[in-house]
Protein backbone atom coordinates (compact mmCIF):
# COMPACT_ATOMS: atom_id res chain seq x y z
CA MET A 1 -56.47 13.87 -16.12
CA LYS A 2 -57.73 16.56 -18.49
CA LEU A 3 -54.60 19.50 -18.52
CA GLU A 4 -55.36 22.73 -20.01
CA ILE A 5 -51.80 24.15 -18.84
CA ILE A 6 -48.75 21.79 -19.22
CA LYS A 7 -45.29 23.14 -17.83
CA TYR A 8 -42.30 21.33 -15.81
CA PHE A 9 -39.55 22.51 -13.31
CA ASP A 10 -36.41 20.67 -12.55
CA GLN A 11 -35.32 21.33 -8.90
CA THR A 12 -32.69 18.68 -9.19
CA GLY A 13 -30.49 19.98 -12.05
CA ASN A 14 -29.69 16.31 -13.39
CA GLU A 15 -32.64 15.53 -15.13
CA MET A 16 -32.50 15.21 -19.11
CA SER A 17 -36.01 14.26 -19.88
CA HIS A 18 -39.24 14.14 -17.44
CA ARG A 19 -42.66 12.71 -18.87
CA VAL A 20 -45.55 14.82 -18.15
CA PRO A 21 -47.93 12.77 -16.88
CA GLU A 22 -45.47 10.75 -15.12
CA GLU A 23 -47.80 7.73 -15.80
CA GLY A 24 -49.96 7.04 -18.51
CA SER A 25 -51.69 9.57 -20.84
CA ALA A 26 -53.25 12.74 -20.30
CA ASP A 27 -56.83 14.42 -22.00
CA ILE A 28 -55.12 17.55 -23.63
CA LYS A 29 -57.53 20.11 -24.71
CA LEU A 30 -57.20 21.96 -27.85
CA GLY A 31 -56.89 25.38 -26.85
CA ALA A 32 -54.64 24.43 -23.99
CA GLN A 33 -51.28 26.46 -23.26
CA LEU A 34 -47.83 24.77 -22.85
CA LEU A 35 -44.77 26.74 -21.40
CA VAL A 36 -41.69 25.89 -22.36
CA GLN A 37 -38.30 27.22 -20.32
CA GLU A 38 -35.75 28.86 -22.44
CA ASN A 39 -33.72 25.97 -21.39
CA GLN A 40 -36.36 22.94 -22.62
CA ALA A 41 -37.75 21.43 -25.76
CA ALA A 42 -41.14 19.22 -25.61
CA VAL A 43 -41.57 16.67 -27.75
CA PHE A 44 -45.26 15.40 -28.42
CA PHE A 45 -46.10 12.12 -28.57
CA ARG A 46 -49.60 10.16 -28.84
CA ASP A 47 -49.74 6.53 -29.80
CA GLY A 48 -46.09 5.75 -29.15
CA LYS A 49 -44.87 8.63 -31.91
CA ALA A 50 -43.43 11.67 -32.08
CA MET A 51 -45.80 14.14 -33.43
CA ASP A 52 -44.43 17.59 -33.14
CA THR A 53 -41.16 19.70 -31.05
CA PHE A 54 -41.99 22.56 -29.17
CA LYS A 55 -39.35 25.29 -28.66
CA ALA A 56 -39.16 27.49 -25.81
CA GLY A 57 -42.04 29.82 -25.14
CA ARG A 58 -45.90 30.36 -25.01
CA HIS A 59 -47.75 27.67 -26.90
CA VAL A 60 -51.42 27.58 -27.61
CA LEU A 61 -51.97 24.05 -28.09
CA SER A 62 -54.49 24.51 -31.70
CA THR A 63 -54.58 23.15 -35.65
CA LEU A 64 -52.15 25.45 -36.33
CA ASN A 65 -49.73 24.70 -33.76
CA ILE A 66 -49.89 20.66 -33.37
CA PRO A 67 -50.37 19.89 -37.88
CA LEU A 68 -49.71 16.15 -37.82
CA LEU A 69 -51.84 15.39 -34.56
CA THR A 70 -54.42 17.95 -36.69
CA ARG A 71 -54.60 15.22 -39.04
CA LEU A 72 -55.36 12.34 -37.11
CA LEU A 73 -58.02 14.11 -34.98
CA SER A 74 -60.26 16.10 -37.65
CA LEU A 75 -62.42 13.57 -38.57
CA PRO A 76 -62.86 11.37 -35.39
CA TYR A 77 -63.74 14.23 -32.79
CA GLY A 78 -64.10 17.54 -35.49
CA PHE A 79 -61.24 19.56 -33.43
CA LYS A 80 -63.65 19.38 -30.27
CA SER A 81 -62.89 16.26 -28.14
CA PRO A 82 -59.77 16.25 -26.01
CA PHE A 83 -57.04 14.01 -26.95
CA GLN A 84 -54.66 11.30 -25.07
CA ALA A 85 -51.12 12.22 -25.22
CA GLN A 86 -48.08 12.27 -23.42
CA VAL A 87 -45.51 15.55 -23.16
CA TYR A 88 -41.61 14.89 -22.96
CA PHE A 89 -39.82 18.27 -21.47
CA VAL A 90 -36.30 17.54 -22.77
CA ASN A 91 -33.47 20.06 -20.73
CA LEU A 92 -31.03 21.44 -23.34
CA LYS A 93 -28.76 22.82 -20.49
CA THR A 94 -24.98 22.29 -20.65
CA PHE A 95 -24.31 19.10 -18.28
CA LEU A 96 -21.22 20.15 -16.49
CA ASN A 97 -18.73 18.77 -14.47
CA LEU A 98 -19.00 14.85 -15.60
CA LYS A 99 -16.52 12.66 -14.61
CA TRP A 100 -14.83 10.21 -16.94
CA GLY A 101 -11.84 8.12 -15.95
CA THR A 102 -10.53 4.32 -16.44
CA LYS A 103 -11.40 1.68 -13.91
CA GLU A 104 -8.52 -0.71 -14.78
CA PRO A 105 -5.07 0.67 -16.65
CA VAL A 106 -4.68 0.09 -20.00
CA SER A 107 -1.77 -1.09 -21.89
CA PHE A 108 0.41 1.13 -23.85
CA LYS A 109 2.85 0.52 -26.25
CA ASP A 110 5.50 2.89 -25.33
CA SER A 111 8.70 3.46 -27.90
CA GLU A 112 11.41 3.53 -25.41
CA LEU A 113 9.54 1.62 -21.93
CA GLY A 114 7.91 -1.06 -23.57
CA PHE A 115 4.60 -1.59 -22.44
CA VAL A 116 2.82 0.52 -19.79
CA ARG A 117 -0.15 0.22 -17.93
CA LEU A 118 -1.64 3.72 -17.63
CA ARG A 119 -4.58 5.72 -15.84
CA ALA A 120 -6.15 8.45 -17.29
CA PHE A 121 -8.68 10.38 -15.55
CA GLY A 122 -11.01 13.88 -16.44
CA VAL A 123 -13.98 15.53 -17.02
CA PHE A 124 -16.53 16.44 -19.58
CA SER A 125 -19.60 18.12 -20.38
CA ILE A 126 -23.01 17.22 -22.47
CA LYS A 127 -25.97 18.55 -24.20
CA VAL A 128 -29.08 17.52 -25.75
CA SER A 129 -28.81 18.65 -29.23
CA LYS A 130 -31.54 16.51 -31.26
CA PRO A 131 -34.54 16.08 -28.28
CA GLN A 132 -36.90 14.06 -30.48
CA LEU A 133 -33.53 10.93 -31.31
CA PHE A 134 -32.52 11.32 -27.41
CA ILE A 135 -35.95 10.51 -26.57
CA ALA A 136 -36.28 7.48 -29.09
CA GLU A 137 -32.52 6.22 -28.48
CA VAL A 138 -32.37 6.70 -25.23
CA ALA A 139 -34.72 7.60 -22.36
CA GLY A 140 -37.29 5.64 -23.99
CA THR A 141 -40.25 5.97 -22.30
CA GLN A 142 -39.05 6.27 -18.71
CA ALA A 143 -40.56 9.02 -16.85
CA ILE A 144 -37.69 10.11 -15.64
CA TYR A 145 -34.20 10.67 -17.11
CA THR A 146 -31.01 11.71 -15.22
CA THR A 147 -27.28 11.74 -16.46
CA GLU A 148 -26.52 9.41 -13.89
CA GLN A 149 -28.49 6.74 -15.99
CA ILE A 150 -26.18 7.67 -19.07
CA GLU A 151 -23.08 8.90 -17.06
CA ASP A 152 -21.15 5.24 -16.94
CA TYR A 153 -22.17 4.50 -20.83
CA LEU A 154 -20.50 7.60 -21.55
CA ARG A 155 -17.38 7.25 -19.89
CA ASP A 156 -16.96 3.67 -20.77
CA LEU A 157 -17.08 4.83 -24.73
CA LEU A 158 -14.45 7.88 -24.08
CA VAL A 159 -11.65 5.48 -22.37
CA GLY A 160 -12.44 3.36 -25.56
CA ARG A 161 -11.58 5.85 -27.89
CA LEU A 162 -8.54 7.46 -25.52
CA ASN A 163 -7.29 3.68 -25.69
CA ASP A 164 -7.48 3.83 -29.64
CA PHE A 165 -6.49 7.59 -29.77
CA LEU A 166 -3.33 7.19 -27.30
CA GLY A 167 -2.13 3.85 -29.72
CA GLU A 168 -2.56 5.50 -32.81
CA THR A 169 -0.93 9.55 -32.02
CA LEU A 170 1.77 8.99 -29.31
CA LYS A 171 4.99 7.59 -29.40
CA THR A 172 6.01 7.81 -25.42
CA ILE A 173 4.61 8.79 -21.52
CA PHE A 174 7.85 11.53 -21.88
CA GLU A 175 5.86 13.19 -24.53
CA LEU A 176 2.44 13.77 -21.99
CA PRO A 177 2.44 16.61 -20.28
CA GLN A 178 3.14 19.15 -23.35
CA PHE A 179 0.46 17.54 -25.40
CA PHE A 180 -2.73 17.20 -22.88
CA ASP A 181 -4.78 19.68 -24.73
CA GLU A 182 -3.76 18.99 -28.40
CA MET A 183 -5.40 15.27 -27.02
CA ALA A 184 -8.66 16.38 -25.43
CA ALA A 185 -9.23 18.41 -28.68
CA GLY A 186 -8.50 15.33 -31.02
CA LEU A 187 -9.90 12.65 -28.62
CA LYS A 188 -13.48 14.95 -28.73
CA SER A 189 -13.31 15.21 -32.74
CA ARG A 190 -13.67 11.27 -32.27
CA LEU A 191 -16.83 11.15 -30.09
CA ILE A 192 -18.89 14.05 -32.17
CA ASP A 193 -20.06 11.23 -34.24
CA ASP A 194 -20.49 8.61 -30.78
CA PHE A 195 -22.68 10.92 -28.96
CA ALA A 196 -24.82 12.81 -32.28
CA LYS A 197 -26.50 9.00 -32.67
CA TYR A 198 -27.93 9.15 -29.74
CA GLY A 199 -28.87 13.07 -29.88
CA LEU A 200 -26.24 14.28 -27.61
CA GLU A 201 -23.21 16.88 -28.35
CA ILE A 202 -20.15 16.91 -25.89
CA SER A 203 -19.56 20.16 -25.21
CA ASP A 204 -16.32 19.94 -23.27
CA LEU A 205 -13.84 17.23 -22.76
CA VAL A 206 -11.02 17.82 -20.37
CA ILE A 207 -7.76 15.45 -19.90
CA ASN A 208 -6.67 15.78 -15.97
CA SER A 209 -3.75 13.29 -15.70
CA ILE A 210 -2.50 10.45 -17.41
CA THR A 211 0.08 8.23 -14.84
CA PRO A 212 1.82 5.44 -15.27
CA PRO A 213 2.83 3.14 -12.28
CA GLU A 214 4.99 4.40 -9.38
CA GLU A 215 7.88 2.59 -10.43
CA VAL A 216 7.72 3.90 -14.18
CA GLN A 217 6.94 7.71 -12.52
CA LYS A 218 10.27 7.64 -10.49
CA MET A 219 12.02 6.69 -14.15
CA ILE A 220 10.45 9.43 -15.48
CA ASP A 221 11.43 11.59 -12.54
CA GLU A 222 15.42 10.72 -12.58
CA ARG A 223 15.66 10.72 -16.38
CA ALA A 224 14.03 14.67 -15.72
CA GLY A 225 16.17 15.12 -12.71
CA MET A 226 19.55 14.02 -14.61
CA GLY A 227 18.28 16.34 -17.59
CA ALA A 228 18.30 19.17 -15.12
CA VAL A 229 21.66 18.47 -13.04
CA GLY A 230 23.78 19.05 -16.29
CA ASP A 231 27.22 18.19 -14.73
CA MET A 232 27.15 15.04 -12.95
CA SER A 233 30.69 15.07 -11.29
CA LYS A 234 30.15 18.49 -9.53
CA PHE A 235 26.13 17.55 -8.80
CA ILE A 236 27.32 14.17 -7.23
CA GLN A 237 29.75 16.58 -4.84
CA PHE A 238 27.55 18.51 -3.85
CA LYS A 239 25.18 15.80 -2.85
CA ALA A 240 27.96 14.16 -0.59
CA ALA A 241 28.93 17.34 1.02
CA LYS A 242 25.39 17.79 2.02
CA ALA A 243 24.89 14.53 3.21
CA MET A 244 28.09 14.86 5.33
CA GLU A 245 26.81 17.99 6.62
CA LYS A 246 23.63 16.25 7.95
CA ALA A 247 25.65 13.46 9.54
CA ALA A 248 27.25 16.22 11.71
CA GLU A 249 24.24 17.61 12.49
CA LYS A 250 22.88 14.16 13.29
CA GLY A 251 25.49 13.07 16.03
CA GLY A 252 24.71 9.44 17.09
CA GLU A 253 22.58 9.16 13.41
CA ALA A 254 25.46 9.48 11.31
CA SER A 255 25.93 6.23 10.15
CA SER A 256 22.07 6.06 8.64
CA GLY A 257 22.23 9.48 7.31
CA MET A 258 25.71 7.81 5.53
CA GLY A 259 24.12 5.40 4.53
CA MET A 260 22.04 7.21 2.10
CA GLY A 261 23.81 9.80 1.39
CA LEU A 262 26.95 9.21 0.79
CA GLY A 263 26.70 6.69 -1.90
CA ALA A 264 27.77 8.86 -4.21
CA GLY A 265 30.22 10.32 -2.23
CA PHE A 266 32.19 7.33 -1.08
CA GLY A 267 32.46 6.50 -4.71
CA MET A 268 33.86 9.32 -4.87
CA MET A 269 36.82 8.35 -2.29
CA MET A 270 37.38 5.32 -3.09
CA PRO A 271 40.15 6.02 -5.49
CA GLY A 272 41.78 8.27 -3.20
CA MET A 273 41.89 5.79 -0.09
CA ILE A 274 43.22 3.11 -2.26
CA ASN A 275 45.78 5.25 -3.16
CA GLN A 276 47.02 5.85 0.65
CA ALA A 277 46.90 2.11 1.13
CA ILE A 278 49.09 1.84 -2.09
CA GLU A 279 51.74 3.91 -1.02
CA LYS A 280 51.63 3.06 2.69
CA GLY A 281 52.56 -0.20 1.95
CA LYS A 282 55.28 1.47 -0.75
CA GLN A 283 56.59 3.00 2.84
CA GLN A 284 56.55 -0.23 4.80
CA GLY A 285 57.90 -2.37 1.92
CA SER A 286 61.16 0.16 1.35
CA ALA A 287 61.81 -0.09 5.56
CA ALA A 288 61.88 -3.40 6.03
CA ALA A 289 63.87 -3.92 2.44
CA GLY A 290 66.09 -1.40 4.34
CA ALA A 291 66.44 -3.31 7.30
CA MET A 292 67.24 -6.62 5.65
CA GLU A 293 70.11 -4.11 3.28
CA LYS A 294 71.68 -3.71 6.51
CA THR A 295 75.27 -5.97 6.94
CA LYS A 296 78.55 -6.62 8.64
CA THR A 297 82.16 -7.37 7.77
CA CYS A 298 83.49 -10.72 8.23
CA PRO A 299 86.61 -10.21 10.25
CA ALA A 300 88.65 -12.92 8.21
CA CYS A 301 87.98 -12.45 5.13
CA HIS A 302 86.49 -8.92 5.11
CA LYS A 303 83.62 -9.72 3.05
CA GLU A 304 80.37 -8.26 3.41
CA THR A 305 77.16 -10.01 4.82
CA MET A 306 74.19 -10.14 6.44
CA GLN A 307 73.64 -8.63 9.61
CA SER A 308 71.88 -11.56 11.15
CA ALA A 309 74.56 -13.92 9.79
CA LYS A 310 76.48 -16.27 12.37
CA PHE A 311 79.02 -17.66 9.77
CA CYS A 312 80.97 -16.11 7.14
CA PRO A 313 79.69 -17.49 3.65
CA GLU A 314 82.53 -16.89 1.80
CA CYS A 315 85.20 -18.22 4.58
CA GLY A 316 83.08 -19.93 7.01
CA ALA A 317 84.56 -17.75 10.09
CA GLU A 318 82.43 -17.65 12.88
CA PHE A 319 81.12 -13.89 13.75
CA PRO A 320 81.69 -13.35 17.75
CA ALA A 321 79.04 -13.01 19.50
CA THR A 322 77.01 -9.32 19.53
CA SER A 323 77.52 -7.31 22.13
CA PHE A 324 75.00 -4.01 23.23
CA CYS A 325 75.87 -0.87 25.20
CA ALA A 326 74.78 -1.19 28.60
CA LYS A 327 73.58 2.57 28.86
CA CYS A 328 72.08 3.28 24.96
CA GLY A 329 71.45 -0.27 24.38
CA ALA A 330 73.62 0.44 20.62
CA THR A 331 75.59 -2.88 19.05
CA LEU A 332 79.19 -2.34 19.95
CA LEU A 333 81.80 -3.28 17.39
CA PRO A 334 83.82 -5.86 17.78
CA GLY A 335 87.23 -5.71 20.07
CA ALA A 336 85.64 -1.67 21.22
CA ASN A 337 86.64 -0.67 24.79
CA PHE A 338 84.27 2.21 23.85
CA CYS A 339 80.16 2.70 22.65
CA SER A 340 80.58 4.27 19.14
CA ALA A 341 76.89 5.34 20.00
CA CYS A 342 77.22 7.26 23.63
CA GLY A 343 81.00 7.15 24.45
CA GLU A 344 80.52 4.45 27.57
CA LYS A 345 83.31 2.52 28.56
CA SER A 346 82.42 -1.73 27.64
CA SER A 347 82.62 -3.81 30.24
């Protein structure tokens, strides 16, 4: 294959490098034209070595444009014969929206919660900054090298640095939301050297979320809620009132609604219920005591004794049988001809 016009256009948008020709080498004639697009660089290889790198523009391959190759060809060919070579077109555009995230939760020692397992997600973007180094260290002899082939490795590298960064700079996950931007900037600075040794540059890094397990997230939400409540007693009263309102609206479902909504309200009502029970007990006790304190007079020694006594505990006299009014049922006094309650004549 003899090439006189060398150019390449990426139709997929995700190729980082593309070799021309894709298989073997091509005969490239001195005087051939090389067309390099604005977002490309073209690296010439011969005998497995990078000879020259061309930037955007139209280049005529001559002894002036490829001095390193010229020295190799000058003696055997006298600058006239074609030479065997490959051209690697390297894409210099910024590759956007590359995803990163933790495959498994990472352990983090929280100053307040102890060890917590976290998941993190985000996006980053890269570009090739040194074409020859990228070909030598990453693409190698592959005819086509895409972002999909390197994305997994860069993702794992990024997550590894994130683990170290969290352990050194963060004390508790309660601080996370307000520090996402600062954390992203700090993490990006740590990755610069890691990417540079492969001829790459990390352009942007965004942390979309760092999330703890669901049970820990509930604790965080509860803590935030307590901070927003302020006066806890008023909040409980409000929740109890809302729960009773819902129970009244649901009617037959009140019991299930009350179980969840009135927990706090029932706790507030308990002291009042207990006090009412105690007061009722006192009243019943007083009534019983009053009944027990009713007495009658002994007809012999005139000493007071209990109403239910049949014999006087002082003199032993027998109390006469108790009579009751046939009309109103009141107790008749001994020897009385009329009822003291209603005036009915006793029989």
